[in-house]
Structures are given as structure tokens and as C-alpha cells.
C-alpha atoms as a PDB file:
ATOM      1  CA  MET A   1     -39.082  -4.407 -12.948  1.00  0.00           C
ATOM      2  CA  ILE A   2     -38.439  -7.959 -11.340  1.00  0.00           C
ATOM      3  CA  SER A   3     -36.060  -9.338 -14.669  1.00  0.00           C
ATOM      4  CA  SER A   4     -33.915  -5.883 -14.325  1.00  0.00           C
ATOM      5  CA  ARG A   5     -33.007  -6.273 -10.864  1.00  0.00           C
ATOM      6  CA  LEU A   6     -32.319  -9.544 -11.214  1.00  0.00           C
ATOM      7  CA  THR A   7     -30.079  -9.316 -14.181  1.00  0.00           C
ATOM      8  CA  ASN A   8     -28.374  -6.389 -12.052  1.00  0.00           C
ATOM      9  CA  LYS A   9     -27.747  -9.252  -9.171  1.00  0.00           C
ATOM     10  CA  LEU A  10     -26.545 -11.824 -11.302  1.00  0.00           C
ATOM     11  CA  VAL A  11     -24.613  -9.308 -13.090  1.00  0.00           C
ATOM     12  CA  ILE A  12     -22.965  -8.251  -9.419  1.00  0.00           C
ATOM     13  CA  ALA A  13     -22.593 -11.907  -8.753  1.00  0.00           C
ATOM     14  CA  GLY A  14     -20.823 -12.794 -12.083  1.00  0.00           C
ATOM     15  CA  TYR A  15     -18.782 -10.022 -11.349  1.00  0.00           C
ATOM     16  CA  ALA A  16     -17.551 -10.899  -7.643  1.00  0.00           C
ATOM     17  CA  LEU A  17     -16.646 -14.176  -8.864  1.00  0.00           C
ATOM     18  CA  PHE A  18     -14.618 -12.895 -12.088  1.00  0.00           C
ATOM     19  CA  LEU A  19     -12.929 -11.419  -8.965  1.00  0.00           C
ATOM     20  CA  LEU A  20     -12.783 -13.692  -6.528  1.00  0.00           C
ATOM     21  CA  LEU A  21     -11.707 -16.589  -8.336  1.00  0.00           C
ATOM     22  CA  PRO A  22      -8.233 -15.780  -8.404  1.00  0.00           C
ATOM     23  CA  LEU A  23      -7.906 -15.542  -4.795  1.00  0.00           C
ATOM     24  CA  TYR A  24     -10.051 -18.936  -4.273  1.00  0.00           C
ATOM     25  CA  TRP A  25      -7.513 -20.541  -7.029  1.00  0.00           C
ATOM     26  CA  LEU A  26      -4.225 -19.123  -5.191  1.00  0.00           C
ATOM     27  CA  LEU A  27      -5.624 -20.389  -1.794  1.00  0.00           C
ATOM     28  CA  ALA A  28      -6.651 -23.382  -3.227  1.00  0.00           C
ATOM     29  CA  MET A  29      -2.878 -23.954  -4.901  1.00  0.00           C
ATOM     30  CA  ALA A  30      -1.371 -22.776  -1.474  1.00  0.00           C
ATOM     31  CA  LEU A  31      -3.100 -26.088   0.353  1.00  0.00           C
ATOM     32  CA  LYS A  32      -2.177 -28.661  -2.167  1.00  0.00           C
ATOM     33  CA  THR A  33       1.287 -30.410  -2.403  1.00  0.00           C
ATOM     34  CA  ASN A  34       3.250 -29.519  -5.513  1.00  0.00           C
ATOM     35  CA  ARG A  35       2.320 -32.978  -6.873  1.00  0.00           C
ATOM     36  CA  ASP A  36      -1.296 -32.237  -6.915  1.00  0.00           C
ATOM     37  CA  ILE A  37      -0.726 -29.177  -8.105  1.00  0.00           C
ATOM     38  CA  VAL A  38       1.180 -30.264 -11.518  1.00  0.00           C
ATOM     39  CA  SER A  39      -0.494 -33.772 -11.680  1.00  0.00           C
ATOM     40  CA  ARG A  40      -4.188 -33.021 -12.195  1.00  0.00           C
ATOM     41  CA  LEU A  41      -6.593 -30.019 -12.323  1.00  0.00           C
ATOM     42  CA  GLU A  42      -8.854 -30.123  -9.122  1.00  0.00           C
ATOM     43  CA  TRP A  43     -11.671 -27.392  -8.302  1.00  0.00           C
ATOM     44  CA  PHE A  44     -11.289 -28.329  -4.335  1.00  0.00           C
ATOM     45  CA  PRO A  45      -8.210 -29.692  -3.020  1.00  0.00           C
ATOM     46  CA  ALA A  46      -8.681 -33.620  -2.355  1.00  0.00           C
ATOM     47  CA  SER A  47      -6.087 -33.456   0.592  1.00  0.00           C
ATOM     48  CA  LEU A  48      -5.605 -30.210   2.236  1.00  0.00           C
ATOM     49  CA  THR A  49      -1.689 -29.699   3.587  1.00  0.00           C
ATOM     50  CA  LEU A  50      -0.466 -26.668   5.457  1.00  0.00           C
ATOM     51  CA  ALA A  51       3.164 -27.671   4.868  1.00  0.00           C
ATOM     52  CA  ASN A  52       3.300 -24.495   2.711  1.00  0.00           C
ATOM     53  CA  PHE A  53       2.799 -22.373   5.241  1.00  0.00           C
ATOM     54  CA  ALA A  54       5.028 -24.372   7.550  1.00  0.00           C
ATOM     55  CA  GLU A  55       7.846 -23.263   4.890  1.00  0.00           C
ATOM     56  CA  ILE A  56       6.828 -19.626   5.291  1.00  0.00           C
ATOM     57  CA  PHE A  57       6.627 -19.189   9.014  1.00  0.00           C
ATOM     58  CA  THR A  58       9.571 -21.644   9.865  1.00  0.00           C
ATOM     59  CA  ASN A  59      12.367 -20.715   7.142  1.00  0.00           C
ATOM     60  CA  PRO A  60      14.429 -17.560   7.761  1.00  0.00           C
ATOM     61  CA  VAL A  61      14.604 -16.671   4.536  1.00  0.00           C
ATOM     62  CA  TRP A  62      10.662 -16.280   4.170  1.00  0.00           C
ATOM     63  CA  LEU A  63       9.955 -14.947   7.420  1.00  0.00           C
ATOM     64  CA  ASP A  64      12.542 -12.090   7.507  1.00  0.00           C
ATOM     65  CA  GLY A  65      11.519 -10.756   3.943  1.00  0.00           C
ATOM     66  CA  PHE A  66       8.093 -10.772   5.039  1.00  0.00           C
ATOM     67  CA  ILE A  67       8.798  -8.933   8.507  1.00  0.00           C
ATOM     68  CA  ASN A  68      11.452  -6.479   6.498  1.00  0.00           C
ATOM     69  CA  SER A  69       8.275  -5.720   3.854  1.00  0.00           C
ATOM     70  CA  LEU A  70       5.755  -4.978   6.948  1.00  0.00           C
ATOM     71  CA  THR A  71       8.497  -2.998   8.661  1.00  0.00           C
ATOM     72  CA  TYR A  72       9.620  -0.470   5.601  1.00  0.00           C
ATOM     73  CA  VAL A  73       5.973  -0.364   4.432  1.00  0.00           C
ATOM     74  CA  LEU A  74       4.437   0.688   7.563  1.00  0.00           C
ATOM     75  CA  LEU A  75       7.553   3.406   8.124  1.00  0.00           C
ATOM     76  CA  ASN A  76       6.462   4.975   4.921  1.00  0.00           C
ATOM     77  CA  THR A  77       3.305   5.064   5.433  1.00  0.00           C
ATOM     78  CA  ALA A  78       3.898   6.656   9.047  1.00  0.00           C
ATOM     79  CA  LEU A  79       6.872   9.350   7.091  1.00  0.00           C
ATOM     80  CA  SER A  80       4.235  10.117   4.454  1.00  0.00           C
ATOM     81  CA  LEU A  81       1.627  11.337   6.450  1.00  0.00           C
ATOM     82  CA  MET A  82       3.849  13.033   9.400  1.00  0.00           C
ATOM     83  CA  VAL A  83       5.114  15.033   5.390  1.00  0.00           C
ATOM     84  CA  ALA A  84       1.885  15.259   4.075  1.00  0.00           C
ATOM     85  CA  LEU A  85      -0.340  16.388   6.517  1.00  0.00           C
ATOM     86  CA  PRO A  86       1.360  19.807   6.929  1.00  0.00           C
ATOM     87  CA  ALA A  87       2.164  20.272   3.612  1.00  0.00           C
ATOM     88  CA  ALA A  88      -1.156  19.877   2.484  1.00  0.00           C
ATOM     89  CA  PHE A  89      -2.260  22.131   5.428  1.00  0.00           C
ATOM     90  CA  SER A  90      -0.513  24.921   3.965  1.00  0.00           C
ATOM     91  CA  PHE A  91      -1.140  24.320   0.340  1.00  0.00           C
ATOM     92  CA  SER A  92      -4.692  24.236   1.170  1.00  0.00           C
ATOM     93  CA  ARG A  93      -4.948  27.097   3.847  1.00  0.00           C
ATOM     94  CA  TYR A  94      -2.700  29.431   2.521  1.00  0.00           C
ATOM     95  CA  ARG A  95      -1.242  31.677  -0.720  1.00  0.00           C
ATOM     96  CA  PHE A  96       2.153  31.703  -1.307  1.00  0.00           C
ATOM     97  CA  LEU A  97       4.786  32.477  -4.081  1.00  0.00           C
ATOM     98  CA  GLY A  98       5.255  29.821  -6.313  1.00  0.00           C
ATOM     99  CA  ASP A  99       2.287  27.412  -4.089  1.00  0.00           C
ATOM    100  CA  LYS A 100       1.031  26.295  -7.372  1.00  0.00           C
ATOM    101  CA  HIS A 101       3.937  25.511  -9.398  1.00  0.00           C
ATOM    102  CA  LEU A 102       5.443  23.822  -6.272  1.00  0.00           C
ATOM    103  CA  PHE A 103       2.360  21.851  -6.058  1.00  0.00           C
ATOM    104  CA  PHE A 104       2.421  20.807  -9.539  1.00  0.00           C
ATOM    105  CA  TRP A 105       6.443  19.728  -8.836  1.00  0.00           C
ATOM    106  CA  LEU A 106       5.404  17.377  -5.948  1.00  0.00           C
ATOM    107  CA  LEU A 107       3.409  15.459  -9.126  1.00  0.00           C
ATOM    108  CA  THR A 108       5.506  15.231 -11.485  1.00  0.00           C
ATOM    109  CA  ASN A 109       7.717  12.931  -9.179  1.00  0.00           C
ATOM    110  CA  ARG A 110       4.835  11.254  -8.787  1.00  0.00           C
ATOM    111  CA  MET A 111       4.265  10.487 -12.884  1.00  0.00           C
ATOM    112  CA  SER A 112       8.347   9.797 -13.151  1.00  0.00           C
ATOM    113  CA  PRO A 113       8.970   6.026 -13.111  1.00  0.00           C
ATOM    114  CA  PRO A 114      11.205   4.605 -10.558  1.00  0.00           C
ATOM    115  CA  ALA A 115      13.305   3.495 -12.822  1.00  0.00           C
ATOM    116  CA  VAL A 116      14.577   7.045 -13.474  1.00  0.00           C
ATOM    117  CA  PHE A 117      15.787   7.057  -9.627  1.00  0.00           C
ATOM    118  CA  LEU A 118      17.324   3.930  -9.212  1.00  0.00           C
ATOM    119  CA  LEU A 119      21.033   4.616  -9.754  1.00  0.00           C
ATOM    120  CA  PRO A 120      21.018   7.721  -7.536  1.00  0.00           C
ATOM    121  CA  PHE A 121      19.075   6.042  -4.898  1.00  0.00           C
ATOM    122  CA  PHE A 122      21.686   3.293  -5.058  1.00  0.00           C
ATOM    123  CA  GLN A 123      24.851   5.357  -4.993  1.00  0.00           C
ATOM    124  CA  LEU A 124      23.415   7.811  -2.298  1.00  0.00           C
ATOM    125  CA  TYR A 125      22.342   4.925   0.348  1.00  0.00           C
ATOM    126  CA  SER A 126      25.754   3.382  -0.688  1.00  0.00           C
ATOM    127  CA  ALA A 127      27.695   6.173   0.583  1.00  0.00           C
ATOM    128  CA  LEU A 128      25.073   7.052   3.790  1.00  0.00           C
ATOM    129  CA  GLU A 129      25.696   3.357   4.532  1.00  0.00           C
ATOM    130  CA  LEU A 130      22.024   3.096   4.492  1.00  0.00           C
ATOM    131  CA  PHE A 131      22.181   0.253   1.433  1.00  0.00           C
ATOM    132  CA  ASP A 132      20.263  -3.100   2.664  1.00  0.00           C
ATOM    133  CA  THR A 133      18.276  -1.833   5.432  1.00  0.00           C
ATOM    134  CA  PRO A 134      14.299  -1.023   5.266  1.00  0.00           C
ATOM    135  CA  ILE A 135      14.951   2.371   5.929  1.00  0.00           C
ATOM    136  CA  ALA A 136      16.423   2.858   2.638  1.00  0.00           C
ATOM    137  CA  VAL A 137      13.323   1.263   0.645  1.00  0.00           C
ATOM    138  CA  ALA A 138      10.948   3.407   3.282  1.00  0.00           C
ATOM    139  CA  LEU A 139      12.835   6.805   1.757  1.00  0.00           C
ATOM    140  CA  ALA A 140      13.368   6.077  -1.566  1.00  0.00           C
ATOM    141  CA  HIS A 141       8.979   5.044  -1.631  1.00  0.00           C
ATOM    142  CA  CYS A 142       8.033   8.132   0.056  1.00  0.00           C
ATOM    143  CA  LEU A 143       9.234   9.991  -3.300  1.00  0.00           C
ATOM    144  CA  PHE A 144       6.190   8.558  -4.888  1.00  0.00           C
ATOM    145  CA  THR A 145       4.173   8.347  -1.878  1.00  0.00           C
ATOM    146  CA  VAL A 146       4.035  11.625  -0.274  1.00  0.00           C
ATOM    147  CA  PRO A 147       3.018  13.405  -3.489  1.00  0.00           C
ATOM    148  CA  LEU A 148       0.303  11.456  -4.170  1.00  0.00           C
ATOM    149  CA  ALA A 149      -0.292  11.644  -0.159  1.00  0.00           C
ATOM    150  CA  VAL A 150      -0.886  15.562  -0.327  1.00  0.00           C
ATOM    151  CA  TRP A 151      -2.516  15.627  -3.317  1.00  0.00           C
ATOM    152  CA  ILE A 152      -5.253  13.507  -2.250  1.00  0.00           C
ATOM    153  CA  LEU A 153      -5.155  15.358   1.228  1.00  0.00           C
ATOM    154  CA  GLU A 154      -5.226  18.932  -0.198  1.00  0.00           C
ATOM    155  CA  GLY A 155      -8.262  17.736  -2.206  1.00  0.00           C
ATOM    156  CA  PHE A 156      -9.987  16.572   1.391  1.00  0.00           C
ATOM    157  CA  MET A 157      -8.577  19.614   3.484  1.00  0.00           C
ATOM    158  CA  SER A 158      -9.852  22.285   0.610  1.00  0.00           C
ATOM    159  CA  GLY A 159     -13.114  20.489   0.620  1.00  0.00           C
ATOM    160  CA  ILE A 160     -13.576  21.784   4.568  1.00  0.00           C
ATOM    161  CA  PRO A 161     -15.402  25.050   4.614  1.00  0.00           C
ATOM    162  CA  ARG A 162     -12.679  27.948   5.845  1.00  0.00           C
ATOM    163  CA  THR A 163     -15.303  29.141   8.192  1.00  0.00           C
ATOM    164  CA  VAL A 164     -14.486  26.352  10.319  1.00  0.00           C
ATOM    165  CA  ASP A 165     -10.790  28.027  10.951  1.00  0.00           C
ATOM    166  CA  ASP A 166     -12.866  31.066  11.601  1.00  0.00           C
ATOM    167  CA  MET A 167     -15.083  29.712  14.323  1.00  0.00           C
ATOM    168  CA  ALA A 168     -11.354  28.000  16.167  1.00  0.00           C
ATOM    169  CA  LYS A 169      -9.806  31.339  16.117  1.00  0.00           C
ATOM    170  CA  VAL A 170     -12.799  32.878  17.888  1.00  0.00           C
ATOM    171  CA  ASP A 171     -12.915  30.195  20.549  1.00  0.00           C
ATOM    172  CA  GLY A 172      -9.587  30.853  20.841  1.00  0.00           C
ATOM    173  CA  HIS A 173      -7.561  27.921  19.436  1.00  0.00           C
ATOM    174  CA  SER A 174      -4.138  28.575  18.264  1.00  0.00           C
ATOM    175  CA  THR A 175      -3.167  26.817  14.676  1.00  0.00           C
ATOM    176  CA  LEU A 176      -1.503  23.556  16.638  1.00  0.00           C
ATOM    177  CA  SER A 177      -4.646  23.197  18.664  1.00  0.00           C
ATOM    178  CA  PHE A 178      -7.243  23.525  15.578  1.00  0.00           C
ATOM    179  CA  PHE A 179      -5.252  20.973  13.241  1.00  0.00           C
ATOM    180  CA  PHE A 180      -4.652  18.518  16.050  1.00  0.00           C
ATOM    181  CA  ARG A 181      -8.312  18.902  18.190  1.00  0.00           C
ATOM    182  CA  ILE A 182     -10.731  19.675  15.345  1.00  0.00           C
ATOM    183  CA  PHE A 183      -8.861  19.472  11.546  1.00  0.00           C
ATOM    184  CA  LEU A 184      -7.869  16.524  12.132  1.00  0.00           C
ATOM    185  CA  PRO A 185     -10.881  14.926  13.336  1.00  0.00           C
ATOM    186  CA  ALA A 186     -12.601  15.938  10.169  1.00  0.00           C
ATOM    187  CA  LEU A 187     -10.126  13.982   8.268  1.00  0.00           C
ATOM    188  CA  LYS A 188     -10.167  10.672   8.809  1.00  0.00           C
ATOM    189  CA  GLY A 189     -12.041   9.916   5.398  1.00  0.00           C
ATOM    190  CA  GLY A 190      -8.772  11.568   3.318  1.00  0.00           C
ATOM    191  CA  ILE A 191      -6.428   9.686   5.967  1.00  0.00           C
ATOM    192  CA  GLY A 192      -7.833   6.519   5.304  1.00  0.00           C
ATOM    193  CA  VAL A 193      -8.035   6.779   1.564  1.00  0.00           C
ATOM    194  CA  THR A 194      -4.337   8.428   1.771  1.00  0.00           C
ATOM    195  CA  VAL A 195      -3.234   5.427   3.962  1.00  0.00           C
ATOM    196  CA  PHE A 196      -4.945   2.739   1.788  1.00  0.00           C
ATOM    197  CA  PHE A 197      -2.539   4.041  -1.087  1.00  0.00           C
ATOM    198  CA  CYS A 198       0.903   4.568   0.446  1.00  0.00           C
ATOM    199  CA  PHE A 199       0.561   0.963   2.135  1.00  0.00           C
ATOM    200  CA  MET A 200      -0.240  -0.722  -1.131  1.00  0.00           C
ATOM    201  CA  PHE A 201       2.301   1.211  -3.299  1.00  0.00           C
ATOM    202  CA  SER A 202       4.688   0.062  -1.125  1.00  0.00           C
ATOM    203  CA  TRP A 203       3.532  -3.282  -0.372  1.00  0.00           C
ATOM    204  CA  VAL A 204       3.548  -4.289  -3.914  1.00  0.00           C
ATOM    205  CA  GLU A 205       6.596  -2.054  -5.402  1.00  0.00           C
ATOM    206  CA  LEU A 206       9.462  -4.153  -6.825  1.00  0.00           C
ATOM    207  CA  LEU A 207      11.650  -2.709  -8.811  1.00  0.00           C
ATOM    208  CA  LEU A 208      13.088  -0.107  -6.022  1.00  0.00           C
ATOM    209  CA  ALA A 209      12.877  -2.611  -3.033  1.00  0.00           C
ATOM    210  CA  ARG A 210      14.874  -5.202  -5.124  1.00  0.00           C
ATOM    211  CA  THR A 211      17.768  -2.962  -5.920  1.00  0.00           C
ATOM    212  CA  LEU A 212      17.701  -0.990  -2.463  1.00  0.00           C
ATOM    213  CA  THR A 213      18.427  -4.273  -0.434  1.00  0.00           C
ATOM    214  CA  GLY A 214      20.513  -7.114  -0.578  1.00  0.00           C
ATOM    215  CA  SER A 215      20.672 -10.249   1.716  1.00  0.00           C
ATOM    216  CA  GLU A 216      19.855  -8.349   5.020  1.00  0.00           C
ATOM    217  CA  ALA A 217      16.688  -6.584   4.193  1.00  0.00           C
ATOM    218  CA  LYS A 218      14.941  -8.465   1.277  1.00  0.00           C
ATOM    219  CA  PRO A 219      11.592  -8.359   1.133  1.00  0.00           C
ATOM    220  CA  MET A 220       8.386 -10.603   0.529  1.00  0.00           C
ATOM    221  CA  VAL A 221       8.296  -9.402  -3.523  1.00  0.00           C
ATOM    222  CA  VAL A 222      11.975 -10.548  -3.999  1.00  0.00           C
ATOM    223  CA  VAL A 223      11.977 -13.789  -2.043  1.00  0.00           C
ATOM    224  CA  MET A 224       9.188 -14.684  -4.020  1.00  0.00           C
ATOM    225  CA  THR A 225      10.891 -14.168  -7.347  1.00  0.00           C
ATOM    226  CA  ARG A 226      13.909 -16.200  -6.219  1.00  0.00           C
ATOM    227  CA  THR A 227      11.790 -19.598  -5.706  1.00  0.00           C
ATOM    228  CA  VAL A 228      13.170 -21.530  -8.718  1.00  0.00           C
ATOM    229  CA  SER A 229      15.666 -24.083  -7.457  1.00  0.00           C
ATOM    230  CA  ALA A 230      16.974 -27.389  -9.530  1.00  0.00           C
ATOM    231  CA  SER A 231      14.027 -29.340  -8.689  1.00  0.00           C
ATOM    232  CA  GLY A 232      11.922 -26.521 -10.499  1.00  0.00           C
ATOM    233  CA  LEU A 233       9.463 -23.880  -9.196  1.00  0.00           C
ATOM    234  CA  ASP A 234       8.199 -24.466  -5.940  1.00  0.00           C
ATOM    235  CA  TRP A 235       4.214 -23.914  -6.831  1.00  0.00           C
ATOM    236  CA  GLY A 236       3.303 -24.729  -3.014  1.00  0.00           C
ATOM    237  CA  VAL A 237       5.309 -22.345  -1.168  1.00  0.00           C
ATOM    238  CA  LEU A 238       4.999 -19.227  -3.787  1.00  0.00           C
ATOM    239  CA  ALA A 239       0.875 -19.682  -3.237  1.00  0.00           C
ATOM    240  CA  ALA A 240       1.117 -19.817   0.505  1.00  0.00           C
ATOM    241  CA  ALA A 241       3.441 -16.668  -0.267  1.00  0.00           C
ATOM    242  CA  GLY A 242       1.387 -15.098  -2.542  1.00  0.00           C
ATOM    243  CA  VAL A 243      -1.813 -15.398   0.171  1.00  0.00           C
ATOM    244  CA  LEU A 244       0.283 -13.958   3.004  1.00  0.00           C
ATOM    245  CA  THR A 245       0.884 -11.022   0.257  1.00  0.00           C
ATOM    246  CA  VAL A 246      -2.699 -10.434   0.283  1.00  0.00           C
ATOM    247  CA  LEU A 247      -3.517 -10.304   3.616  1.00  0.00           C
ATOM    248  CA  PRO A 248      -1.855  -7.486   4.967  1.00  0.00           C
ATOM    249  CA  GLY A 249      -3.748  -5.258   2.373  1.00  0.00           C
ATOM    250  CA  LEU A 250      -7.163  -6.943   3.333  1.00  0.00           C
ATOM    251  CA  ILE A 251      -6.363  -5.755   6.962  1.00  0.00           C
ATOM    252  CA  VAL A 252      -5.364  -2.239   5.981  1.00  0.00           C
ATOM    253  CA  VAL A 253      -8.874  -2.519   3.983  1.00  0.00           C
ATOM    254  CA  TRP A 254     -10.908  -3.556   6.670  1.00  0.00           C
ATOM    255  CA  PHE A 255      -9.482  -1.085   9.286  1.00  0.00           C
ATOM    256  CA  VAL A 256     -10.109   1.890   6.815  1.00  0.00           C
ATOM    257  CA  ARG A 257     -13.356   0.701   5.149  1.00  0.00           C
ATOM    258  CA  ASN A 258     -15.507   3.162   6.553  1.00  0.00           C
ATOM    259  CA  HIS A 259     -13.467   6.237   5.959  1.00  0.00           C
ATOM    260  CA  LEU A 260     -12.352   4.444   2.365  1.00  0.00           C
ATOM    261  CA  VAL A 261     -15.793   4.275   1.145  1.00  0.00           C
ATOM    262  CA  ARG A 262     -16.331   8.003   2.738  1.00  0.00           C
ATOM    263  CA  GLY A 263     -13.074   9.228   1.051  1.00  0.00           C
ATOM    264  CA  PHE A 264     -13.940   7.848  -2.256  1.00  0.00           C
ATOM    265  CA  ALA A 265     -17.260   9.680  -2.261  1.00  0.00           C
ATOM    266  CA  LEU A 266     -15.954  13.301  -1.261  1.00  0.00           C
ATOM    267  CA  GLY A 267     -12.513  13.024  -2.134  1.00  0.00           C
ATOM    268  CA  ARG A 268     -10.536  14.296  -5.192  1.00  0.00           C
ATOM    269  CA  VAL A 269      -9.642   9.881  -5.927  1.00  0.00           C
END
């Protein structure tokens, strides 16, 4: 029994080390100069520097890219929740003509690659003068995050017994009162999982974000692809940007961690 437990701990420790090693290496590179990065292999930086992070926060190109990314990701997450919550509630609690076909059609949008919608989005946003704005990227990402959010939330909502609805009606609650005061608090796990997936998809997506933005609203992931100059690749700044792109995801996971674990345990994800 003891050897089995020890083996399990060693396996878990090895797996955790395997996952954390790239993050550690990225952070170590961000704290080095380019000369130290390309000259020798160091497990621990001999001389630490914050110049790479200072470049991110003092250079308007990097700083604006980081702000643009946060702007359209937060917009997309909020819009996805606003649309998906009532839609999932309708699919979960009501039956109407074509409901299953409509639900399947939503999922087919999620199955399509983003490249299929590049040209329609580009022409539409150019005509509406939304090109090169954060709202353009946020709306484009909604085509993929809303179906995902509806699918996740519908699974959680279907897991809430309908007797809760009947008890609320007996107590005199209207549909809106029941939805906001009783139903949503019971749905915290599903909302946490939905926020996580919507945020992650929009944060790491590159193709739409790169095509629908120009010089004013280009996000962080696009700026990271333009770090090659005449002197070569700026490894330190690129690593620092990578660290900063990981931090928002870690913050989201930290805030929804309790709901995320419960959501993975009880939901359909």
C-alpha cells in the first residue's frame, strides 16, 4: 500500500513538473537579456533583469496591444453570457418547434473553422466601419463562444430539477424573479465554467483577431508575431509578453476555481 501511494505521488509530481517546466522556462527567459538567452544554457538566471517587462509597459505598441486584448475578450465574455443565459434557459425549460434542430445548428457554428468566416466578417465590418475596433473582434468571437456557452449552460440548467420551478411559482415568483433570484444562484458552477471557456477561446484566438484589426486595435497575440527586426528576434521581450498573456488566464481560473471544479464534476464539460 505504501509503495503504491509513493508511486502515485511520484507520478503526480512528475506530471506537474512536466506541465510547469515550460512556464518556468518562459519566466526565466523573460528575466534574462538576449545575450544571456542565446549564449548559454542556464537553469537559473545568473543575472536578473526587468528590462523586458519594462519594455512591455513603456512601449505604446505592446501596452496598447495588451489593453486591446483585454477589452475585446471581456466584451466577448459579457456578450456571450448575456445571449447564452436566456437561450440556454429556453432550450432547457421549454419545448418549441424546431428546438432540437436550432440547438444542433448552434453547435455546427462552433464546429466550423474561423477561416471560413474571415471574408464575410472583413467585408461586413468594413462596410459598417467597425474594422480595426475591439468590438469587431468581440462580435466575431461570439459566433463561436455563444454556441459553446449555450451548450454548457443548457447542460447545467437541465440538471436543476423542474420541481424548483414549480416551488417558485407556488411562492408567487414571476419568471424573471425566479430566473434572477433563484435560478442563477444555483447556476454558479455552470457560469464559472462558461466564463472560463469563453475567456480562454477569445484570449488565445489569433486568426480573426489578426484579420479584423489593423494598426489601432491589434491585440497582444498579433504584436507578439511582429517581434522580428533587423537585429533578429527579441527573445526576452517575447518571453515577457508570453508571461503577461498567461497571467489573465491564471487570474480567471483563480476567481472561478471553486465553481470550475464543481462545474467539471457536475456539468457536461
